[in-house]
Amino acid sequence: MHLRHLLLPLVLLPIGATSAAGPAAPEPIVTPVMTKALPEYPGKEVLILKVQYPPGGADPVHRHDAHGFVYVVDGSIVMGVEGGKEVTLKPGEAFHEGPQDLHTVGRNASSTEPATFVVFLLKDAGKPPVLPPK
C-alpha cells in the first residue's frame, strides 16, 4: 500500500471545530519520512513522520492503535492522552503513547512560533496511522 493511502485518514480528519470563539486551529503539516517492514515481527512496521505545527496548530482527538514515540526537534508542543496529564515538551524531549491510548491533546504550545517533531509509530502493517476515537 502506498504511503499516501496510509496518510489519507490523517488528512481527512477535521482539525478542530469552528465555534463562536473562532475558527479551527491551523492544520499540522505531515511529511512521510520512511516506512519499514519488520521481518522479525511479522505483520508489523515502523512509520516515521515529520510533523510541523504552525503557530496555534493542533490535532483533533484521535488514536493510533500503535506505539507512538514523539521527539521534539524545534519549538514546544503540548501532548496528552486520556487519563494522563498534559505535558509540554521542548526540543530533545520525548513522549510515548500506547496502542490503547486516546490522544486527547496535541498542539503547538505557541501561538506565534512553529513547532516541529518526529513521530515513530510501531504499528500493524497496512493499518492507517491515525484513527478516529472509538
C-alpha atoms as a PDB file:
ATOM      1  CA  MET A   1       0.000   0.000   0.000  1.00  0.00           C
ATOM      2  CA  HIS A   2       1.358   3.427  -0.863  1.00  0.00           C
ATOM      3  CA  LEU A   3       2.178   5.809   1.975  1.00  0.00           C
ATOM      4  CA  ARG A   4      -0.233   8.442   0.690  1.00  0.00           C
ATOM      5  CA  HIS A   5      -3.095   5.949   1.222  1.00  0.00           C
ATOM      6  CA  LEU A   6      -1.919   5.384   4.780  1.00  0.00           C
ATOM      7  CA  LEU A   7      -1.841   9.112   5.488  1.00  0.00           C
ATOM      8  CA  LEU A   8      -5.211   9.847   3.879  1.00  0.00           C
ATOM      9  CA  PRO A   9      -7.109   9.354   7.180  1.00  0.00           C
ATOM     10  CA  LEU A  10      -4.878  11.992   8.794  1.00  0.00           C
ATOM     11  CA  VAL A  11      -5.676  14.473   6.046  1.00  0.00           C
ATOM     12  CA  LEU A  12      -9.394  13.733   6.226  1.00  0.00           C
ATOM     13  CA  LEU A  13      -9.732  14.153   9.991  1.00  0.00           C
ATOM     14  CA  PRO A  14     -11.112  17.556  10.964  1.00  0.00           C
ATOM     15  CA  ILE A  15      -8.541  19.509  12.909  1.00  0.00           C
ATOM     16  CA  GLY A  16     -10.962  21.399  15.083  1.00  0.00           C
ATOM     17  CA  ALA A  17     -14.494  22.543  15.201  1.00  0.00           C
ATOM     18  CA  THR A  18     -15.357  26.075  14.303  1.00  0.00           C
ATOM     19  CA  SER A  19     -17.065  27.726  17.239  1.00  0.00           C
ATOM     20  CA  ALA A  20     -18.372  31.071  18.309  1.00  0.00           C
ATOM     21  CA  ALA A  21     -14.921  31.659  19.810  1.00  0.00           C
ATOM     22  CA  GLY A  22     -13.254  31.496  16.408  1.00  0.00           C
ATOM     23  CA  PRO A  23     -12.098  29.315  13.532  1.00  0.00           C
ATOM     24  CA  ALA A  24     -10.473  25.901  13.740  1.00  0.00           C
ATOM     25  CA  ALA A  25      -6.810  25.579  14.696  1.00  0.00           C
ATOM     26  CA  PRO A  26      -4.347  25.522  11.773  1.00  0.00           C
ATOM     27  CA  GLU A  27      -3.713  22.021  10.451  1.00  0.00           C
ATOM     28  CA  PRO A  28      -0.380  20.298  11.040  1.00  0.00           C
ATOM     29  CA  ILE A  29       1.875  19.639   8.059  1.00  0.00           C
ATOM     30  CA  VAL A  30       2.698  15.924   7.947  1.00  0.00           C
ATOM     31  CA  THR A  31       5.621  14.695   5.840  1.00  0.00           C
ATOM     32  CA  PRO A  32       6.305  10.962   5.488  1.00  0.00           C
ATOM     33  CA  VAL A  33       9.945  10.091   6.135  1.00  0.00           C
ATOM     34  CA  MET A  34      10.053   6.273   5.976  1.00  0.00           C
ATOM     35  CA  THR A  35       8.009   3.100   6.238  1.00  0.00           C
ATOM     36  CA  LYS A  36       9.881  -0.095   7.027  1.00  0.00           C
ATOM     37  CA  ALA A  37       8.506  -3.614   7.421  1.00  0.00           C
ATOM     38  CA  LEU A  38       9.935  -5.534  10.369  1.00  0.00           C
ATOM     39  CA  PRO A  39      10.524  -9.133   9.245  1.00  0.00           C
ATOM     40  CA  GLU A  40      11.499 -10.159  12.790  1.00  0.00           C
ATOM     41  CA  TYR A  41       7.999  -9.060  13.861  1.00  0.00           C
ATOM     42  CA  PRO A  42       5.635 -10.432  11.210  1.00  0.00           C
ATOM     43  CA  GLY A  43       2.804  -8.064  10.347  1.00  0.00           C
ATOM     44  CA  LYS A  44       4.469  -5.042  11.992  1.00  0.00           C
ATOM     45  CA  GLU A  45       6.087  -1.966  10.504  1.00  0.00           C
ATOM     46  CA  VAL A  46       7.625   1.309  11.598  1.00  0.00           C
ATOM     47  CA  LEU A  47       6.311   4.543  10.120  1.00  0.00           C
ATOM     48  CA  ILE A  48       8.325   7.726  10.647  1.00  0.00           C
ATOM     49  CA  LEU A  49       6.644  11.096  10.116  1.00  0.00           C
ATOM     50  CA  LYS A  50       7.848  14.675  10.412  1.00  0.00           C
ATOM     51  CA  VAL A  51       5.086  16.898  11.795  1.00  0.00           C
ATOM     52  CA  GLN A  52       5.095  20.675  11.815  1.00  0.00           C
ATOM     53  CA  TYR A  53       2.546  22.591  13.847  1.00  0.00           C
ATOM     54  CA  PRO A  54       2.017  26.115  12.572  1.00  0.00           C
ATOM     55  CA  PRO A  55       1.624  28.742  15.311  1.00  0.00           C
ATOM     56  CA  GLY A  56      -1.569  27.798  17.163  1.00  0.00           C
ATOM     57  CA  GLY A  57      -1.757  24.469  15.294  1.00  0.00           C
ATOM     58  CA  ALA A  58      -3.457  21.428  16.823  1.00  0.00           C
ATOM     59  CA  ASP A  59      -4.654  17.884  16.171  1.00  0.00           C
ATOM     60  CA  PRO A  60      -8.163  16.547  16.733  1.00  0.00           C
ATOM     61  CA  VAL A  61      -8.752  13.847  19.329  1.00  0.00           C
ATOM     62  CA  HIS A  62      -7.593  10.589  17.740  1.00  0.00           C
ATOM     63  CA  ARG A  63      -5.849   7.276  18.339  1.00  0.00           C
ATOM     64  CA  HIS A  64      -3.082   5.376  16.606  1.00  0.00           C
ATOM     65  CA  ASP A  65      -3.611   1.725  17.630  1.00  0.00           C
ATOM     66  CA  ALA A  66       0.197   1.679  17.754  1.00  0.00           C
ATOM     67  CA  HIS A  67       3.100   2.512  19.974  1.00  0.00           C
ATOM     68  CA  GLY A  68       3.848   6.142  19.144  1.00  0.00           C
ATOM     69  CA  PHE A  69       7.062   7.917  20.070  1.00  0.00           C
ATOM     70  CA  VAL A  70       7.269  11.692  19.630  1.00  0.00           C
ATOM     71  CA  TYR A  71      10.619  13.518  19.593  1.00  0.00           C
ATOM     72  CA  VAL A  72      10.582  17.329  19.550  1.00  0.00           C
ATOM     73  CA  VAL A  73      13.037  18.950  17.149  1.00  0.00           C
ATOM     74  CA  ASP A  74      12.056  22.619  17.326  1.00  0.00           C
ATOM     75  CA  GLY A  75       9.602  24.753  19.276  1.00  0.00           C
ATOM     76  CA  SER A  76       7.390  23.471  22.056  1.00  0.00           C
ATOM     77  CA  ILE A  77       4.360  21.170  21.938  1.00  0.00           C
ATOM     78  CA  VAL A  78       1.692  20.020  24.388  1.00  0.00           C
ATOM     79  CA  MET A  79       0.752  16.321  24.378  1.00  0.00           C
ATOM     80  CA  GLY A  80      -1.677  14.277  26.416  1.00  0.00           C
ATOM     81  CA  VAL A  81      -3.650  11.056  26.475  1.00  0.00           C
ATOM     82  CA  GLU A  82      -6.954  10.287  28.158  1.00  0.00           C
ATOM     83  CA  GLY A  83      -6.434   9.775  31.889  1.00  0.00           C
ATOM     84  CA  GLY A  84      -2.950  11.308  31.837  1.00  0.00           C
ATOM     85  CA  LYS A  85      -1.584  14.756  32.488  1.00  0.00           C
ATOM     86  CA  GLU A  86      -0.808  17.162  29.684  1.00  0.00           C
ATOM     87  CA  VAL A  87       2.921  17.633  29.223  1.00  0.00           C
ATOM     88  CA  THR A  88       4.763  20.454  27.496  1.00  0.00           C
ATOM     89  CA  LEU A  89       7.766  19.204  25.543  1.00  0.00           C
ATOM     90  CA  LYS A  90      10.773  21.184  24.326  1.00  0.00           C
ATOM     91  CA  PRO A  91      13.499  20.249  21.820  1.00  0.00           C
ATOM     92  CA  GLY A  92      15.203  16.993  22.771  1.00  0.00           C
ATOM     93  CA  GLU A  93      12.272  15.740  24.856  1.00  0.00           C
ATOM     94  CA  ALA A  94      10.059  12.764  24.016  1.00  0.00           C
ATOM     95  CA  PHE A  95       6.541  11.427  24.593  1.00  0.00           C
ATOM     96  CA  HIS A  96       5.055   7.928  24.285  1.00  0.00           C
ATOM     97  CA  GLU A  97       1.517   6.778  23.738  1.00  0.00           C
ATOM     98  CA  GLY A  98       0.431   3.157  23.628  1.00  0.00           C
ATOM     99  CA  PRO A  99      -1.938   1.242  21.349  1.00  0.00           C
ATOM    100  CA  GLN A 100      -4.866   1.644  23.773  1.00  0.00           C
ATOM    101  CA  ASP A 101      -4.353   5.381  24.402  1.00  0.00           C
ATOM    102  CA  LEU A 102      -6.728   8.049  23.172  1.00  0.00           C
ATOM    103  CA  HIS A 103      -4.649  11.045  22.095  1.00  0.00           C
ATOM    104  CA  THR A 104      -6.700  13.890  23.591  1.00  0.00           C
ATOM    105  CA  VAL A 105      -4.191  16.749  23.368  1.00  0.00           C
ATOM    106  CA  GLY A 106      -1.740  17.518  20.584  1.00  0.00           C
ATOM    107  CA  ARG A 107      -0.963  21.158  19.911  1.00  0.00           C
ATOM    108  CA  ASN A 108       1.663  23.815  19.489  1.00  0.00           C
ATOM    109  CA  ALA A 109       2.408  25.475  22.812  1.00  0.00           C
ATOM    110  CA  SER A 110       2.961  28.766  20.967  1.00  0.00           C
ATOM    111  CA  SER A 111       0.529  30.940  19.066  1.00  0.00           C
ATOM    112  CA  THR A 112       3.406  32.836  17.412  1.00  0.00           C
ATOM    113  CA  GLU A 113       6.158  30.260  16.627  1.00  0.00           C
ATOM    114  CA  PRO A 114       6.017  26.964  14.695  1.00  0.00           C
ATOM    115  CA  ALA A 115       6.985  23.615  16.259  1.00  0.00           C
ATOM    116  CA  THR A 116       8.459  20.521  14.609  1.00  0.00           C
ATOM    117  CA  PHE A 117       8.573  16.952  15.882  1.00  0.00           C
ATOM    118  CA  VAL A 118       9.242  13.465  14.556  1.00  0.00           C
ATOM    119  CA  VAL A 119       6.823  10.598  15.197  1.00  0.00           C
ATOM    120  CA  PHE A 120       7.863   6.942  15.161  1.00  0.00           C
ATOM    121  CA  LEU A 121       4.885   4.572  15.018  1.00  0.00           C
ATOM    122  CA  LEU A 122       5.285   0.837  15.619  1.00  0.00           C
ATOM    123  CA  LYS A 123       2.059  -0.428  14.087  1.00  0.00           C
ATOM    124  CA  ASP A 124       0.292  -3.182  12.219  1.00  0.00           C
ATOM    125  CA  ALA A 125       1.410  -3.231   8.586  1.00  0.00           C
ATOM    126  CA  GLY A 126      -1.099  -1.553   6.294  1.00  0.00           C
ATOM    127  CA  LYS A 127      -3.200  -0.094   9.127  1.00  0.00           C
ATOM    128  CA  PRO A 128      -3.858   3.657   8.902  1.00  0.00           C
ATOM    129  CA  PRO A 129      -1.568   5.636  11.225  1.00  0.00           C
ATOM    130  CA  VAL A 130      -4.368   7.846  12.560  1.00  0.00           C
ATOM    131  CA  LEU A 131      -7.794   6.554  13.550  1.00  0.00           C
ATOM    132  CA  PRO A 132     -10.876   8.332  14.892  1.00  0.00           C
ATOM    133  CA  PRO A 133     -11.758   7.913  18.578  1.00  0.00           C
ATOM    134  CA  LYS A 134     -13.690   4.698  19.340  1.00  0.00           C
END
